[in-house]
C-alpha atoms as a PDB file:
ATOM      1  CA  UNK A   1      -6.653 -47.069  65.211  1.00  0.00           C
ATOM      2  CA  UNK A   2     -10.130 -48.133  64.115  1.00  0.00           C
ATOM      3  CA  UNK A   3     -10.410 -50.529  67.051  1.00  0.00           C
ATOM      4  CA  UNK A   4      -9.471 -47.763  69.488  1.00  0.00           C
ATOM      5  CA  UNK A   5     -12.161 -45.527  67.997  1.00  0.00           C
ATOM      6  CA  UNK A   6     -14.730 -48.304  68.222  1.00  0.00           C
ATOM      7  CA  UNK A   7     -13.904 -48.819  71.903  1.00  0.00           C
ATOM      8  CA  UNK A   8     -14.116 -45.087  72.545  1.00  0.00           C
ATOM      9  CA  UNK A   9     -17.540 -44.889  70.916  1.00  0.00           C
ATOM     10  CA  UNK A  10     -18.701 -47.944  72.881  1.00  0.00           C
ATOM     11  CA  UNK A  11     -17.747 -46.222  76.125  1.00  0.00           C
ATOM     12  CA  UNK A  12     -20.134 -43.397  75.215  1.00  0.00           C
ATOM     13  CA  UNK A  13     -22.748 -45.877  73.970  1.00  0.00           C
ATOM     14  CA  UNK A  14     -22.670 -44.591  70.403  1.00  0.00           C
ATOM     15  CA  UNK A  15     -22.353 -46.344  67.046  1.00  0.00           C
ATOM     16  CA  UNK A  16     -20.223 -45.842  63.967  1.00  0.00           C
ATOM     17  CA  UNK A  17     -22.303 -45.775  60.799  1.00  0.00           C
ATOM     18  CA  UNK A  18     -20.428 -45.931  57.500  1.00  0.00           C
ATOM     19  CA  UNK A  19     -22.193 -43.788  54.928  1.00  0.00           C
ATOM     20  CA  UNK A  20     -19.559 -43.887  52.180  1.00  0.00           C
ATOM     21  CA  UNK A  21     -18.640 -47.492  51.525  1.00  0.00           C
ATOM     22  CA  UNK A  22     -17.336 -47.261  47.971  1.00  0.00           C
ATOM     23  CA  UNK A  23     -14.005 -48.950  47.480  1.00  0.00           C
ATOM     24  CA  UNK A  24     -11.377 -47.051  45.506  1.00  0.00           C
ATOM     25  CA  UNK A  25      -8.074 -48.225  44.173  1.00  0.00           C
ATOM     26  CA  UNK A  26      -4.946 -46.526  45.497  1.00  0.00           C
ATOM     27  CA  UNK A  27      -4.517 -44.918  42.059  1.00  0.00           C
ATOM     28  CA  UNK A  28      -8.044 -43.437  42.170  1.00  0.00           C
ATOM     29  CA  UNK A  29      -7.448 -42.050  45.658  1.00  0.00           C
ATOM     30  CA  UNK A  30      -4.123 -40.546  44.591  1.00  0.00           C
ATOM     31  CA  UNK A  31      -5.672 -38.890  41.524  1.00  0.00           C
ATOM     32  CA  UNK A  32      -8.472 -37.417  43.648  1.00  0.00           C
ATOM     33  CA  UNK A  33      -5.936 -36.143  46.181  1.00  0.00           C
ATOM     34  CA  UNK A  34      -3.803 -34.553  43.454  1.00  0.00           C
ATOM     35  CA  UNK A  35      -6.826 -32.851  41.902  1.00  0.00           C
ATOM     36  CA  UNK A  36      -7.837 -31.545  45.332  1.00  0.00           C
ATOM     37  CA  UNK A  37      -4.359 -30.154  45.962  1.00  0.00           C
ATOM     38  CA  UNK A  38      -4.167 -28.502  42.543  1.00  0.00           C
ATOM     39  CA  UNK A  39      -7.659 -27.053  42.971  1.00  0.00           C
ATOM     40  CA  UNK A  40      -6.704 -25.561  46.309  1.00  0.00           C
ATOM     41  CA  UNK A  41      -3.454 -24.094  45.010  1.00  0.00           C
ATOM     42  CA  UNK A  42      -5.109 -22.757  41.856  1.00  0.00           C
ATOM     43  CA  UNK A  43      -7.715 -21.034  43.978  1.00  0.00           C
ATOM     44  CA  UNK A  44      -5.045 -19.352  46.052  1.00  0.00           C
ATOM     45  CA  UNK A  45      -2.876 -18.396  43.070  1.00  0.00           C
ATOM     46  CA  UNK A  46      -5.666 -16.946  40.992  1.00  0.00           C
ATOM     47  CA  UNK A  47      -7.749 -15.483  43.785  1.00  0.00           C
ATOM     48  CA  UNK A  48     -10.563 -17.912  43.011  1.00  0.00           C
ATOM     49  CA  UNK A  49     -11.211 -16.383  39.601  1.00  0.00           C
ATOM     50  CA  UNK A  50     -13.525 -19.039  38.272  1.00  0.00           C
ATOM     51  CA  UNK A  51     -12.300 -19.291  34.695  1.00  0.00           C
ATOM     52  CA  UNK A  52      -8.637 -19.685  35.657  1.00  0.00           C
ATOM     53  CA  UNK A  53      -9.476 -22.167  38.397  1.00  0.00           C
ATOM     54  CA  UNK A  54     -11.438 -24.369  35.984  1.00  0.00           C
ATOM     55  CA  UNK A  55      -8.687 -24.194  33.343  1.00  0.00           C
ATOM     56  CA  UNK A  56      -6.046 -25.419  35.779  1.00  0.00           C
ATOM     57  CA  UNK A  57      -8.212 -28.223  37.177  1.00  0.00           C
ATOM     58  CA  UNK A  58      -9.256 -29.413  33.718  1.00  0.00           C
ATOM     59  CA  UNK A  59      -5.620 -29.331  32.562  1.00  0.00           C
ATOM     60  CA  UNK A  60      -4.540 -31.499  35.487  1.00  0.00           C
ATOM     61  CA  UNK A  61      -7.410 -33.935  34.885  1.00  0.00           C
ATOM     62  CA  UNK A  62      -6.383 -34.277  31.217  1.00  0.00           C
ATOM     63  CA  UNK A  63      -2.733 -34.689  32.159  1.00  0.00           C
ATOM     64  CA  UNK A  64      -3.442 -37.392  34.749  1.00  0.00           C
ATOM     65  CA  UNK A  65      -5.940 -39.317  32.613  1.00  0.00           C
ATOM     66  CA  UNK A  66      -3.553 -39.523  29.644  1.00  0.00           C
END
């Protein structure tokens, strides 16, 4: 897929510049994805009431980091 994108960009004489080159382990990526999902769902469930949203996210972070 990356090679196809590179060829496409070359056709239009553009470059790909990587601005986020930090390497993450699969576990780190999964934890970030789970936190993102929970944050999104908490926002929907609680109508983005800030205190409830933070409580849910912090609870998930504690649960995952244990």
